[in-house]
Amino acid sequence: MVAVARKNPNADPTTCAHAGYLVVISAPSGGGKTSAIRAILASRQADYVYSVSMTTRPPRPGERHAQDYFFGSWQEFQQKIRDNGFVEWAEVHHHLYGTPRAAIDEWLAAGKFVFMDLDVQGGLNVKQRYGERAILIFIKPPSMESLQARLKGRNTDSPADIDVRLQAADRELAMAEQYDHIIVNNDLAETVKQVAAIINSHRTPQKS
């Protein structure tokens, strides 16, 4: 189920005493960010929510509308841009991706940790907008060889698409130096543990 929140346009969630955080998880395509986010959300922490992005790319096998992404046409996406409906948006691998604005600020005001699955460009845009309320975490593959093997193994991309994604990975790895945290994904369970530790370091201490 996707949570829907109404936004108070007069409220600035980043100035609230117990404001939440945007937790941006980025990685090269095939780098394991989706698996990491699913594992983190499986812990069902009450203050964890997931911001579902919109994309113009077609769904992959097993992906569901409004759960993995809001899948829409190029025309629908462009209309949402004109309506100022995104926190950020970018063109990635010849498709458009954007973060719907509707629920973000209210979740922050409620003290939630809002998980976002974004490319590096989108993550840096969020950081510019939300400052210290955005925690940028980059999940780095152990090697480019392991990334190539994973892209080939998932059987969802053509050889040409894989080449494009590997070229993009080189650029993303360079830009990742601007992120707050970089985690090498040698083991998914350990990666999830490290992400949880980063989040816990940002929790407001409870009064005794």
Protein backbone atom coordinates (compact mmCIF):
# COMPACT_ATOMS: atom_id res chain seq x y z
CA MET A 1 0.00 0.00 0.00
CA VAL A 2 1.26 3.50 -0.82
CA ALA A 3 0.71 6.09 1.87
CA VAL A 4 -0.78 9.37 0.72
CA ALA A 5 -0.33 12.55 2.73
CA ARG A 6 -1.84 15.99 2.37
CA LYS A 7 0.61 18.83 2.31
CA ASN A 8 0.36 22.05 4.30
CA PRO A 9 1.85 24.59 1.89
CA ASN A 10 2.63 26.99 4.74
CA ALA A 11 4.75 24.53 6.74
CA ASP A 12 8.50 24.14 6.42
CA PRO A 13 9.21 20.57 7.58
CA THR A 14 12.96 21.15 7.84
CA THR A 15 12.52 23.63 10.70
CA CYS A 16 10.45 21.35 12.94
CA ALA A 17 12.16 20.31 16.18
CA HIS A 18 11.68 16.62 15.38
CA ALA A 19 11.74 16.78 11.59
CA GLY A 20 12.50 13.59 9.74
CA TYR A 21 15.05 12.84 7.07
CA LEU A 22 15.15 11.90 3.42
CA VAL A 23 17.30 8.79 3.08
CA VAL A 24 18.53 8.70 -0.50
CA ILE A 25 19.89 5.32 -1.58
CA SER A 26 21.81 5.36 -4.86
CA ALA A 27 23.88 2.83 -6.76
CA PRO A 28 24.78 2.01 -10.36
CA SER A 29 22.05 0.14 -12.18
CA GLY A 30 22.30 -3.45 -10.94
CA GLY A 31 24.28 -2.38 -7.86
CA GLY A 32 21.79 -3.73 -5.33
CA LYS A 33 20.01 -0.61 -4.09
CA THR A 34 16.53 -2.03 -4.68
CA SER A 35 17.36 -5.21 -2.75
CA ALA A 36 18.86 -3.15 0.07
CA ILE A 37 15.82 -0.88 0.35
CA ARG A 38 13.42 -3.84 0.34
CA ALA A 39 15.42 -5.52 3.12
CA ILE A 40 15.46 -2.34 5.20
CA LEU A 41 11.74 -1.75 4.80
CA ALA A 42 11.07 -5.40 5.71
CA SER A 43 12.07 -4.51 9.28
CA ARG A 44 8.77 -2.58 9.39
CA GLN A 45 10.06 0.25 11.57
CA ALA A 46 7.15 2.57 12.35
CA ASP A 47 9.04 5.67 11.23
CA TYR A 48 10.14 4.23 7.86
CA VAL A 49 8.21 5.18 4.71
CA TYR A 50 9.06 4.76 1.04
CA SER A 51 8.69 7.46 -1.58
CA VAL A 52 7.56 5.79 -4.80
CA SER A 53 9.09 7.47 -7.86
CA MET A 54 7.41 8.02 -11.21
CA THR A 55 9.07 6.81 -14.41
CA THR A 56 8.38 6.67 -18.11
CA ARG A 57 10.22 3.36 -18.56
CA PRO A 58 8.12 0.20 -18.93
CA PRO A 59 7.82 -2.10 -15.91
CA ARG A 60 10.26 -4.97 -15.58
CA PRO A 61 8.97 -8.47 -14.83
CA GLY A 62 7.54 -8.55 -11.30
CA GLU A 63 7.32 -4.78 -10.88
CA ARG A 64 3.97 -3.37 -9.81
CA HIS A 65 2.45 0.02 -10.45
CA ALA A 66 2.27 2.30 -7.36
CA GLN A 67 4.46 -0.09 -5.39
CA ASP A 68 7.77 -0.18 -7.26
CA TYR A 69 7.11 2.88 -9.43
CA PHE A 70 4.29 4.97 -10.76
CA PHE A 71 4.56 4.03 -14.43
CA GLY A 72 3.37 6.76 -16.78
CA SER A 73 3.72 8.09 -20.29
CA TRP A 74 6.14 10.78 -21.39
CA GLN A 75 3.16 13.14 -21.80
CA GLU A 76 1.89 12.45 -18.27
CA PHE A 77 5.34 13.06 -16.87
CA GLN A 78 5.73 16.35 -18.73
CA GLN A 79 2.36 17.53 -17.43
CA LYS A 80 3.44 16.79 -13.87
CA ILE A 81 6.60 18.84 -14.45
CA ARG A 82 4.46 21.77 -15.63
CA ASP A 83 2.28 21.36 -12.52
CA ASN A 84 5.40 21.56 -10.27
CA GLY A 85 4.55 18.08 -9.03
CA PHE A 86 8.08 16.79 -8.45
CA VAL A 87 10.66 17.41 -5.74
CA GLU A 88 13.26 16.49 -8.36
CA TRP A 89 13.33 14.81 -11.74
CA ALA A 90 15.95 13.73 -14.26
CA GLU A 91 16.41 11.84 -17.50
CA VAL A 92 18.31 8.59 -16.93
CA HIS A 93 19.05 5.93 -19.59
CA HIS A 94 16.65 7.66 -22.00
CA HIS A 95 13.75 7.57 -19.54
CA LEU A 96 12.36 10.17 -17.12
CA TYR A 97 12.35 9.60 -13.36
CA GLY A 98 10.87 11.92 -10.74
CA THR A 99 9.99 12.13 -7.05
CA PRO A 100 6.34 13.15 -6.53
CA ARG A 101 6.07 16.09 -4.17
CA ALA A 102 2.68 15.32 -2.56
CA ALA A 103 3.67 13.42 0.59
CA ILE A 104 7.34 14.29 1.15
CA ASP A 105 7.05 17.41 3.30
CA GLU A 106 4.30 16.04 5.52
CA TRP A 107 6.28 12.89 6.19
CA LEU A 108 9.28 15.02 7.15
CA ALA A 109 7.15 17.12 9.50
CA ALA A 110 5.94 13.88 11.12
CA GLY A 111 9.53 12.81 11.85
CA LYS A 112 9.67 9.97 9.31
CA PHE A 113 12.71 8.53 7.58
CA VAL A 114 11.65 8.76 3.93
CA PHE A 115 13.53 6.29 1.73
CA MET A 116 14.18 7.35 -1.84
CA ASP A 117 15.61 5.18 -4.64
CA LEU A 118 17.34 7.76 -6.84
CA ASP A 119 20.17 8.09 -9.30
CA VAL A 120 23.11 10.26 -8.23
CA GLN A 121 21.89 13.31 -10.11
CA GLY A 122 18.53 13.12 -8.35
CA GLY A 123 20.19 12.56 -4.99
CA LEU A 124 22.35 15.66 -5.34
CA ASN A 125 19.28 17.68 -6.35
CA VAL A 126 17.51 16.53 -3.17
CA LYS A 127 20.56 17.46 -1.08
CA GLN A 128 20.61 20.92 -2.59
CA ARG A 129 16.94 21.41 -1.74
CA TYR A 130 16.79 19.83 1.73
CA GLY A 131 20.34 20.27 3.04
CA GLU A 132 21.11 18.42 6.28
CA ARG A 133 17.66 16.79 6.20
CA ALA A 134 18.83 14.65 3.28
CA ILE A 135 21.11 11.69 4.04
CA LEU A 136 22.85 10.52 0.87
CA ILE A 137 24.06 6.90 0.86
CA PHE A 138 25.80 5.40 -2.16
CA ILE A 139 25.96 1.59 -2.47
CA LYS A 140 29.10 0.72 -4.39
CA PRO A 141 29.60 -2.63 -6.15
CA PRO A 142 32.74 -4.58 -5.15
CA SER A 143 34.05 -4.20 -8.71
CA MET A 144 32.95 -3.27 -12.21
CA GLU A 145 33.33 -6.95 -13.16
CA SER A 146 30.82 -7.98 -10.50
CA LEU A 147 28.44 -5.25 -11.65
CA GLN A 148 28.67 -6.42 -15.26
CA ALA A 149 28.00 -10.01 -14.18
CA ARG A 150 24.94 -8.94 -12.22
CA LEU A 151 23.52 -6.92 -15.12
CA LYS A 152 23.95 -9.86 -17.44
CA GLY A 153 22.55 -12.30 -14.90
CA ARG A 154 19.25 -10.52 -14.35
CA ASN A 155 18.33 -10.98 -18.05
CA THR A 156 16.35 -7.75 -18.32
CA ASP A 157 18.69 -5.67 -20.49
CA SER A 158 20.06 -6.05 -24.00
CA PRO A 159 23.85 -6.03 -24.51
CA ALA A 160 23.57 -2.45 -25.78
CA ASP A 161 21.62 -1.42 -22.66
CA ILE A 162 24.23 -3.08 -20.45
CA ASP A 163 26.98 -1.09 -22.15
CA VAL A 164 25.04 2.14 -21.53
CA ARG A 165 24.54 1.26 -17.87
CA LEU A 166 28.21 0.41 -17.36
CA GLN A 167 29.26 3.71 -18.90
CA ALA A 168 26.80 5.51 -16.62
CA ALA A 169 28.20 3.59 -13.64
CA ASP A 170 31.64 5.11 -14.21
CA ARG A 171 30.13 8.61 -14.05
CA GLU A 172 28.03 7.77 -10.99
CA LEU A 173 30.99 6.33 -9.11
CA ALA A 174 32.89 9.58 -9.67
CA MET A 175 29.93 11.69 -8.52
CA ALA A 176 29.40 9.48 -5.46
CA GLU A 177 32.30 11.25 -3.78
CA GLN A 178 29.82 14.06 -3.09
CA TYR A 179 27.61 11.71 -1.05
CA ASP A 180 27.55 11.59 2.76
CA HIS A 181 28.26 7.85 2.96
CA ILE A 182 29.63 5.17 0.62
CA ILE A 183 29.05 1.49 1.41
CA VAL A 184 30.73 -1.29 -0.55
CA ASN A 185 28.09 -3.97 -1.11
CA ASN A 186 30.08 -7.15 -0.55
CA ASP A 187 27.22 -8.70 1.42
CA LEU A 188 23.60 -7.53 1.42
CA ALA A 189 22.97 -8.25 5.11
CA GLU A 190 26.05 -6.25 6.11
CA THR A 191 25.05 -3.41 3.77
CA VAL A 192 21.61 -3.24 5.37
CA LYS A 193 23.21 -3.25 8.83
CA GLN A 194 25.41 -0.30 7.89
CA VAL A 195 22.48 1.67 6.47
CA ALA A 196 20.51 1.05 9.69
CA ALA A 197 23.46 2.29 11.75
CA ILE A 198 23.61 5.51 9.72
CA ILE A 199 19.89 6.08 10.25
CA ASN A 200 20.13 5.38 13.98
CA SER A 201 22.86 8.00 14.28
CA HIS A 202 20.32 10.60 13.14
CA ARG A 203 17.54 9.63 15.56
CA THR A 204 16.51 12.21 18.15
CA PRO A 205 17.61 11.00 21.61
CA GLN A 206 14.66 10.08 23.77
CA LYS A 207 14.26 11.90 27.06
CA SER A 208 14.48 9.64 30.12
